[in-house]
Amino acid sequence: MKVLIRTVKEYDLDDISKHLLVVGDLSGDCFNCKEFGLNYSSIKSCPKCHTEFRYIASRKSNNLSSKIMTTLHKKRPDLAYIEFSDLKVHKNREKAKDFLS
């Protein structure tokens, strides 16, 4: 039986930021260029910046994240699911480092 199991893997933050499709309630956004209103269930690359999507994340991060993860995986099994709250923590740390440098 195949199931979804969360694992931890080291990723390059810049690579994720460049190739991330962020899903909202009705549509998706390109995290790289901020293009919005994308049909996340079928789009392979951003129409504005032409980046290929490799990762997907949901802006909704709450205790339903496993349900959201399952739904996104069913719609887009070709993309790796990234926990958006984790990404925000690392991006904020990066901004703070740059600010304090």
C-alpha atoms as a PDB file:
ATOM      1  CA  MET A   1       0.000   0.000   0.000  1.00  0.00           C
ATOM      2  CA  LYS A   2       1.338   3.436  -0.930  1.00  0.00           C
ATOM      3  CA  VAL A   3       0.925   6.305   1.514  1.00  0.00           C
ATOM      4  CA  LEU A   4       2.328   9.803   1.919  1.00  0.00           C
ATOM      5  CA  ILE A   5       4.997  10.080   4.613  1.00  0.00           C
ATOM      6  CA  ARG A   6       6.650  13.355   5.588  1.00  0.00           C
ATOM      7  CA  THR A   7      10.421  13.288   5.431  1.00  0.00           C
ATOM      8  CA  VAL A   8      13.169  15.802   6.012  1.00  0.00           C
ATOM      9  CA  LYS A   9      15.553  16.623   3.197  1.00  0.00           C
ATOM     10  CA  GLU A  10      18.082  19.398   2.776  1.00  0.00           C
ATOM     11  CA  TYR A  11      17.180  21.779  -0.066  1.00  0.00           C
ATOM     12  CA  ASP A  12      18.767  24.874  -1.550  1.00  0.00           C
ATOM     13  CA  LEU A  13      16.619  27.838  -0.480  1.00  0.00           C
ATOM     14  CA  ASP A  14      17.297  29.786  -3.682  1.00  0.00           C
ATOM     15  CA  ASP A  15      16.274  26.798  -5.828  1.00  0.00           C
ATOM     16  CA  ILE A  16      12.984  26.429  -3.970  1.00  0.00           C
ATOM     17  CA  SER A  17      12.290  30.155  -4.147  1.00  0.00           C
ATOM     18  CA  LYS A  18      12.864  30.191  -7.894  1.00  0.00           C
ATOM     19  CA  HIS A  19      10.792  27.093  -8.728  1.00  0.00           C
ATOM     20  CA  LEU A  20       7.907  27.281  -6.238  1.00  0.00           C
ATOM     21  CA  LEU A  21       4.215  27.328  -7.076  1.00  0.00           C
ATOM     22  CA  VAL A  22       2.270  28.650  -4.063  1.00  0.00           C
ATOM     23  CA  VAL A  23      -1.365  27.617  -3.856  1.00  0.00           C
ATOM     24  CA  GLY A  24      -4.132  29.714  -2.361  1.00  0.00           C
ATOM     25  CA  ASP A  25      -7.853  28.977  -2.175  1.00  0.00           C
ATOM     26  CA  LEU A  26      -8.616  29.158  -5.883  1.00  0.00           C
ATOM     27  CA  SER A  27      -5.395  29.665  -7.786  1.00  0.00           C
ATOM     28  CA  GLY A  28      -1.628  29.622  -7.571  1.00  0.00           C
ATOM     29  CA  ASP A  29       1.166  32.186  -7.552  1.00  0.00           C
ATOM     30  CA  CYS A  30       4.716  32.060  -8.862  1.00  0.00           C
ATOM     31  CA  PHE A  31       6.966  32.639  -5.847  1.00  0.00           C
ATOM     32  CA  ASN A  32       9.770  33.794  -8.151  1.00  0.00           C
ATOM     33  CA  CYS A  33       8.082  36.714  -9.950  1.00  0.00           C
ATOM     34  CA  LYS A  34       4.812  36.958  -7.952  1.00  0.00           C
ATOM     35  CA  GLU A  35       2.592  36.285 -11.006  1.00  0.00           C
ATOM     36  CA  PHE A  36      -0.825  35.371  -9.610  1.00  0.00           C
ATOM     37  CA  GLY A  37      -4.017  33.704 -10.765  1.00  0.00           C
ATOM     38  CA  LEU A  38      -2.312  30.570 -12.110  1.00  0.00           C
ATOM     39  CA  ASN A  39      -4.229  27.322 -12.568  1.00  0.00           C
ATOM     40  CA  TYR A  40      -2.075  25.227 -10.248  1.00  0.00           C
ATOM     41  CA  SER A  41      -3.629  21.896 -11.220  1.00  0.00           C
ATOM     42  CA  SER A  42      -2.114  21.919 -14.700  1.00  0.00           C
ATOM     43  CA  ILE A  43       0.469  24.689 -15.178  1.00  0.00           C
ATOM     44  CA  LYS A  44       4.051  23.498 -15.702  1.00  0.00           C
ATOM     45  CA  SER A  45       5.849  26.851 -15.841  1.00  0.00           C
ATOM     46  CA  CYS A  46       5.167  30.495 -15.138  1.00  0.00           C
ATOM     47  CA  PRO A  47       3.790  32.392 -18.153  1.00  0.00           C
ATOM     48  CA  LYS A  48       5.540  35.593 -17.009  1.00  0.00           C
ATOM     49  CA  CYS A  49       9.085  34.533 -15.988  1.00  0.00           C
ATOM     50  CA  HIS A  50       9.049  31.073 -17.647  1.00  0.00           C
ATOM     51  CA  THR A  51      10.445  29.306 -14.601  1.00  0.00           C
ATOM     52  CA  GLU A  52       9.674  25.598 -14.434  1.00  0.00           C
ATOM     53  CA  PHE A  53       7.766  24.623 -11.305  1.00  0.00           C
ATOM     54  CA  ARG A  54       9.421  21.852  -9.264  1.00  0.00           C
ATOM     55  CA  TYR A  55       7.851  22.496  -5.855  1.00  0.00           C
ATOM     56  CA  ILE A  56       4.381  23.270  -4.558  1.00  0.00           C
ATOM     57  CA  ALA A  57       3.266  24.775  -1.244  1.00  0.00           C
ATOM     58  CA  SER A  58       0.027  25.899   0.322  1.00  0.00           C
ATOM     59  CA  ARG A  59      -0.379  29.244   2.053  1.00  0.00           C
ATOM     60  CA  LYS A  60      -2.753  27.514   4.471  1.00  0.00           C
ATOM     61  CA  SER A  61      -0.541  26.130   7.179  1.00  0.00           C
ATOM     62  CA  ASN A  62      -2.568  24.747  10.017  1.00  0.00           C
ATOM     63  CA  ASN A  63      -3.409  21.383  11.508  1.00  0.00           C
ATOM     64  CA  LEU A  64      -5.054  20.355   8.227  1.00  0.00           C
ATOM     65  CA  SER A  65      -1.731  20.415   6.388  1.00  0.00           C
ATOM     66  CA  SER A  66      -1.715  16.633   5.849  1.00  0.00           C
ATOM     67  CA  LYS A  67      -5.109  16.918   4.138  1.00  0.00           C
ATOM     68  CA  ILE A  68      -3.837  19.812   2.026  1.00  0.00           C
ATOM     69  CA  MET A  69      -0.644  17.899   1.233  1.00  0.00           C
ATOM     70  CA  THR A  70      -2.682  14.875   0.108  1.00  0.00           C
ATOM     71  CA  THR A  71      -4.943  17.016  -2.087  1.00  0.00           C
ATOM     72  CA  LEU A  72      -2.004  18.806  -3.716  1.00  0.00           C
ATOM     73  CA  HIS A  73      -0.190  15.520  -4.279  1.00  0.00           C
ATOM     74  CA  LYS A  74      -3.234  14.063  -6.036  1.00  0.00           C
ATOM     75  CA  LYS A  75      -3.480  17.096  -8.309  1.00  0.00           C
ATOM     76  CA  ARG A  76       0.272  17.541  -8.843  1.00  0.00           C
ATOM     77  CA  PRO A  77       2.236  14.340  -8.130  1.00  0.00           C
ATOM     78  CA  ASP A  78       5.065  15.711 -10.300  1.00  0.00           C
ATOM     79  CA  LEU A  79       5.893  18.451  -7.760  1.00  0.00           C
ATOM     80  CA  ALA A  80       7.588  18.097  -4.387  1.00  0.00           C
ATOM     81  CA  TYR A  81       5.470  19.429  -1.512  1.00  0.00           C
ATOM     82  CA  ILE A  82       7.179  22.108   0.586  1.00  0.00           C
ATOM     83  CA  GLU A  83       5.826  23.205   3.971  1.00  0.00           C
ATOM     84  CA  PHE A  84       5.235  26.937   3.417  1.00  0.00           C
ATOM     85  CA  SER A  85       5.698  27.845   7.089  1.00  0.00           C
ATOM     86  CA  ASP A  86       9.189  26.282   7.010  1.00  0.00           C
ATOM     87  CA  LEU A  87      10.056  28.284   3.916  1.00  0.00           C
ATOM     88  CA  LYS A  88       8.865  31.526   5.532  1.00  0.00           C
ATOM     89  CA  VAL A  89      11.049  30.908   8.608  1.00  0.00           C
ATOM     90  CA  HIS A  90      14.161  30.405   6.485  1.00  0.00           C
ATOM     91  CA  LYS A  91      13.391  33.366   4.190  1.00  0.00           C
ATOM     92  CA  ASN A  92      12.869  35.629   7.221  1.00  0.00           C
ATOM     93  CA  ARG A  93      16.184  34.480   8.715  1.00  0.00           C
ATOM     94  CA  GLU A  94      17.884  35.260   5.410  1.00  0.00           C
ATOM     95  CA  LYS A  95      16.329  38.758   5.349  1.00  0.00           C
ATOM     96  CA  ALA A  96      17.403  39.402   8.938  1.00  0.00           C
ATOM     97  CA  LYS A  97      20.983  38.327   8.168  1.00  0.00           C
ATOM     98  CA  ASP A  98      21.089  40.634   5.147  1.00  0.00           C
ATOM     99  CA  PHE A  99      19.649  43.507   7.169  1.00  0.00           C
ATOM    100  CA  LEU A 100      22.104  43.078  10.023  1.00  0.00           C
ATOM    101  CA  SER A 101      25.137  42.608   7.786  1.00  0.00           C
END
